[in-house]
Protein backbone atom coordinates (compact mmCIF):
# COMPACT_ATOMS: atom_id res chain seq x y z
CA MET A 1 -0.21 0.32 0.22
CA PHE A 2 3.05 2.66 0.54
CA GLY A 3 4.22 2.06 -2.81
CA PHE A 4 0.99 2.10 -4.25
CA LYS A 5 0.35 5.79 -2.66
CA ALA A 6 3.97 6.97 -3.61
CA ILE A 7 3.80 5.94 -7.33
CA PHE A 8 1.37 8.84 -7.92
CA SER A 9 3.84 11.29 -6.56
CA GLY A 10 6.46 10.50 -8.89
CA ILE A 11 3.69 10.21 -11.98
CA PHE A 12 2.09 13.58 -11.03
CA VAL A 13 5.63 15.12 -10.82
CA GLU A 14 6.56 14.15 -14.24
CA LEU A 15 3.63 15.63 -15.64
CA ASN A 16 4.07 18.87 -14.00
CA TYR A 17 6.99 19.28 -15.96
CA ARG A 18 5.28 19.00 -19.08
CA ILE A 19 2.07 21.20 -18.62
CA ASP A 20 3.59 24.50 -19.30
CA VAL A 21 4.56 23.26 -22.79
CA ILE A 22 1.40 21.30 -23.35
CA VAL A 23 -0.69 24.16 -22.83
CA LEU A 24 1.66 26.82 -24.39
CA GLY A 25 1.28 24.54 -27.38
CA PHE A 26 -2.58 25.18 -27.70
CA PHE A 27 -2.13 29.14 -27.58
CA ALA A 28 1.26 29.80 -29.45
CA SER A 29 3.24 29.27 -32.47
CA ASP A 30 5.71 26.38 -32.47
CA SER A 31 8.64 28.74 -32.70
CA VAL A 32 7.69 30.13 -29.41
CA VAL A 33 6.87 26.67 -27.75
CA GLY A 34 10.41 25.84 -28.76
CA ILE A 35 12.01 28.85 -27.47
CA TYR A 36 10.08 28.11 -24.32
CA SER A 37 11.06 24.63 -24.09
CA LEU A 38 14.44 25.49 -24.88
CA PHE A 39 14.83 27.86 -21.74
CA SER A 40 12.44 25.36 -19.61
CA LEU A 41 14.78 22.30 -20.26
CA ALA A 42 17.94 24.66 -18.74
CA ALA A 43 15.58 25.49 -15.82
CA GLU A 44 14.87 21.92 -15.25
CA GLY A 45 18.82 20.92 -15.41
CA THR A 46 19.33 23.58 -12.54
CA TYR A 47 16.49 22.43 -10.49
CA ASN A 48 18.37 18.97 -10.84
CA ILE A 49 21.49 20.16 -9.19
CA PHE A 50 19.34 20.87 -6.13
CA VAL A 51 17.47 17.10 -6.53
CA LEU A 52 21.16 15.77 -6.05
CA ILE A 53 21.43 17.30 -2.95
CA LYS A 54 18.18 15.73 -2.28
CA ASN A 55 19.46 12.34 -2.80
CA LEU A 56 22.40 12.43 -0.94
CA ILE A 57 20.37 13.56 2.60
CA ASN A 58 17.24 11.33 1.96
CA PRO A 59 18.23 8.46 3.88
CA LYS A 60 19.49 10.60 6.98
CA ILE A 61 15.89 12.23 6.46
CA SER A 62 14.32 9.00 6.44
CA ARG A 63 16.43 7.94 9.70
CA LEU A 64 15.30 10.87 11.73
CA LEU A 65 11.97 11.07 10.91
CA SER A 66 11.07 7.44 10.99
CA SER A 67 12.71 7.09 14.55
CA GLY A 68 10.68 10.74 15.72
CA SER A 69 13.92 12.71 15.74
CA PHE A 70 12.16 15.94 14.82
CA VAL A 71 14.91 18.15 16.85
CA GLU A 72 17.43 16.38 14.68
CA PHE A 73 15.84 16.78 11.60
CA GLN A 74 14.87 20.79 12.12
CA ASN A 75 18.85 20.68 12.68
CA LEU A 76 19.52 19.31 9.54
CA PHE A 77 16.84 21.49 7.68
CA TYR A 78 18.66 24.65 9.15
CA LYS A 79 22.02 23.42 8.36
CA PHE A 80 21.28 22.37 4.43
CA ALA A 81 18.60 25.00 3.95
CA ARG A 82 20.95 27.74 4.61
CA TYR A 83 24.02 26.57 2.84
CA THR A 84 21.87 25.36 -0.20
CA TYR A 85 20.42 29.22 -0.32
CA LEU A 86 24.33 30.51 -0.15
CA PHE A 87 25.19 27.80 -3.01
CA ALA A 88 22.02 28.83 -5.01
CA ILE A 89 22.70 32.96 -4.65
CA ILE A 90 26.13 32.07 -6.61
CA VAL A 91 25.45 28.77 -8.83
CA ILE A 92 21.94 30.16 -10.46
CA PRO A 93 22.92 33.60 -11.52
CA PHE A 94 26.27 31.92 -12.78
CA ILE A 95 24.35 29.16 -14.97
CA GLY A 96 21.79 31.87 -16.23
CA LEU A 97 25.27 34.20 -17.59
CA ILE A 98 26.74 30.92 -19.20
CA PHE A 99 23.57 29.92 -20.82
CA TYR A 100 22.89 33.62 -22.12
CA GLY A 101 25.85 33.37 -23.61
CA LEU A 102 25.77 29.95 -24.92
CA ILE A 103 22.25 31.09 -26.47
CA SER A 104 24.58 33.80 -28.89
CA PHE A 105 25.64 31.28 -30.87
CA LEU A 106 22.58 28.88 -31.71
CA PRO A 107 20.33 29.85 -34.89
CA ASP A 108 17.82 32.62 -34.26
CA ALA A 109 20.11 34.13 -31.36
CA ALA A 110 18.53 37.31 -31.51
CA GLN A 111 14.95 35.88 -31.07
CA LEU A 112 16.49 33.71 -27.91
CA ASN A 113 18.34 36.71 -26.32
CA GLU A 114 14.81 38.49 -26.62
CA ASN A 115 12.60 36.07 -25.16
CA PHE A 116 15.54 35.83 -22.11
CA GLY A 117 13.01 36.93 -19.51
CA ILE A 118 11.66 33.35 -19.80
CA ALA A 119 14.75 31.69 -18.53
CA ILE A 120 15.19 34.54 -16.03
CA ILE A 121 11.67 34.22 -14.31
CA LEU A 122 12.00 29.93 -14.28
CA LEU A 123 15.69 30.49 -12.43
CA SER A 124 14.11 33.02 -10.21
CA PHE A 125 11.67 30.99 -8.92
CA ILE A 126 14.21 28.28 -8.85
CA LEU A 127 16.30 30.16 -6.51
CA LEU A 128 13.53 31.10 -4.19
CA ILE A 129 12.50 27.56 -3.25
CA SER A 130 15.98 26.04 -3.89
CA GLY A 131 16.52 25.93 0.04
CA PHE A 132 13.48 23.53 0.39
CA ILE A 133 14.09 21.70 -2.82
CA PRO A 134 16.59 18.92 -0.56
CA PHE A 135 13.33 18.02 1.38
CA GLU A 136 10.70 17.99 -1.18
CA MET A 137 10.11 14.28 -0.24
CA SER A 138 10.28 14.42 3.45
CA LEU A 139 6.29 13.68 3.24
CA THR A 140 7.23 10.36 1.98
CA LEU A 141 10.18 9.81 3.75
CA SER A 142 7.92 10.53 7.32
CA GLY A 143 5.78 7.72 6.02
CA LYS A 144 3.08 10.24 4.39
CA PRO A 145 3.24 8.74 0.77
CA GLY A 146 -0.42 9.58 0.53
CA SER A 147 0.03 13.27 1.51
CA GLN A 148 3.09 13.67 -1.08
CA SER A 149 1.13 12.41 -3.56
CA PHE A 150 -1.92 14.89 -3.11
CA GLN A 151 0.90 17.34 -2.86
CA ALA A 152 2.18 16.51 -6.31
CA PHE A 153 -1.72 16.03 -7.63
CA LEU A 154 -2.36 19.97 -6.10
CA VAL A 155 1.09 21.26 -7.67
CA ALA A 156 0.05 19.90 -11.29
CA LEU A 157 -4.00 20.95 -10.62
CA ILE A 158 -2.71 24.59 -9.82
CA ASN A 159 0.26 24.75 -12.56
CA LEU A 160 -2.47 23.78 -14.99
CA ILE A 161 -5.02 25.89 -13.82
CA LEU A 162 -2.78 29.30 -13.95
CA ASN A 163 -1.43 28.52 -17.29
CA LEU A 164 -4.66 27.89 -18.80
CA ILE A 165 -5.64 31.50 -17.04
CA LEU A 166 -1.97 33.29 -17.73
CA VAL A 167 -0.78 31.87 -21.28
CA PRO A 168 -3.78 33.48 -23.38
CA ILE A 169 -2.83 36.44 -22.01
CA TYR A 170 0.77 36.86 -21.43
CA GLY A 171 1.96 33.81 -23.52
CA ALA A 172 5.33 32.07 -22.37
CA ILE A 173 6.00 34.50 -20.00
CA GLY A 174 2.52 33.35 -18.16
CA ALA A 175 3.74 29.58 -18.80
CA ALA A 176 7.05 30.62 -16.83
CA ILE A 177 4.89 32.43 -14.21
CA SER A 178 2.25 29.79 -13.78
CA THR A 179 5.49 27.00 -13.54
CA GLY A 180 7.05 28.88 -10.62
CA MET A 181 4.53 29.46 -8.75
CA ALA A 182 2.91 26.16 -8.71
CA LEU A 183 6.15 24.74 -7.59
CA ALA A 184 6.22 27.62 -4.86
CA PHE A 185 3.16 26.39 -3.90
CA GLY A 186 4.40 22.90 -3.50
CA ILE A 187 6.74 23.87 -1.05
CA ILE A 188 4.51 25.89 0.82
CA TYR A 189 2.20 22.73 1.23
CA ILE A 190 4.94 20.74 2.16
CA TYR A 191 5.87 22.94 5.21
CA TYR A 192 2.25 23.20 5.96
CA VAL A 193 1.99 19.52 6.77
CA LEU A 194 5.39 19.37 8.81
CA LEU A 195 4.39 22.21 10.61
CA PHE A 196 0.86 21.07 11.62
CA LYS A 197 0.64 17.62 11.12
CA LEU A 198 3.80 15.93 12.59
CA GLY A 199 4.26 19.07 14.89
CA ILE A 200 8.00 20.01 13.71
CA ARG A 201 8.54 23.73 13.98
CA PHE A 202 10.35 25.89 11.59
CA SER A 203 11.60 29.52 12.40
CA PHE A 204 12.49 32.04 9.66
CA ILE A 205 14.90 30.18 7.08
CA PHE A 206 18.33 32.78 8.22
CA TYR A 207 17.04 32.98 11.73
CA ARG A 208 16.59 29.82 14.21
CA SER A 209 14.23 30.97 17.22
């Protein structure tokens, strides 16, 4: 039953990566979709840097949560979130600059440069939530795979709704904003469940009360 509940989380996460492109395809030209897909791919690659950190500390998170060592989990959270944000502040702008330089060598470079705001929006949202990404599987690791799957479903649903609202108005920029806001909501949901259902208390990320 645990695995059955957890599998839906992976399904909705993968679906969420494609919603913006799919919706954009209904309202924009192939050229715009292609440009957006390129920037989205770069953003997804950047996101996966923090997924790597998550994979490294997941075993420790699992041990702490399964044993009810919430104080130790909070200490781990403060430590990794703080340093992950510092890492992100340096690395994400650097990636953006490198990517901006590389697209100058691609065909239609002028059009890509003109639409680079899409990449900036996506990377900015990743920077915003970067400190929490290593802990995004905490619900499953705490024995609540159903809550994790529901979180992934809500993120995908909100992403779809926001895209349907914003893409017809703002095009690719709307798709980037929608996806970023959905990802941010997913982090807020995980924070809420850990805070109120597991009794884990967090203060502001850079200040520990």
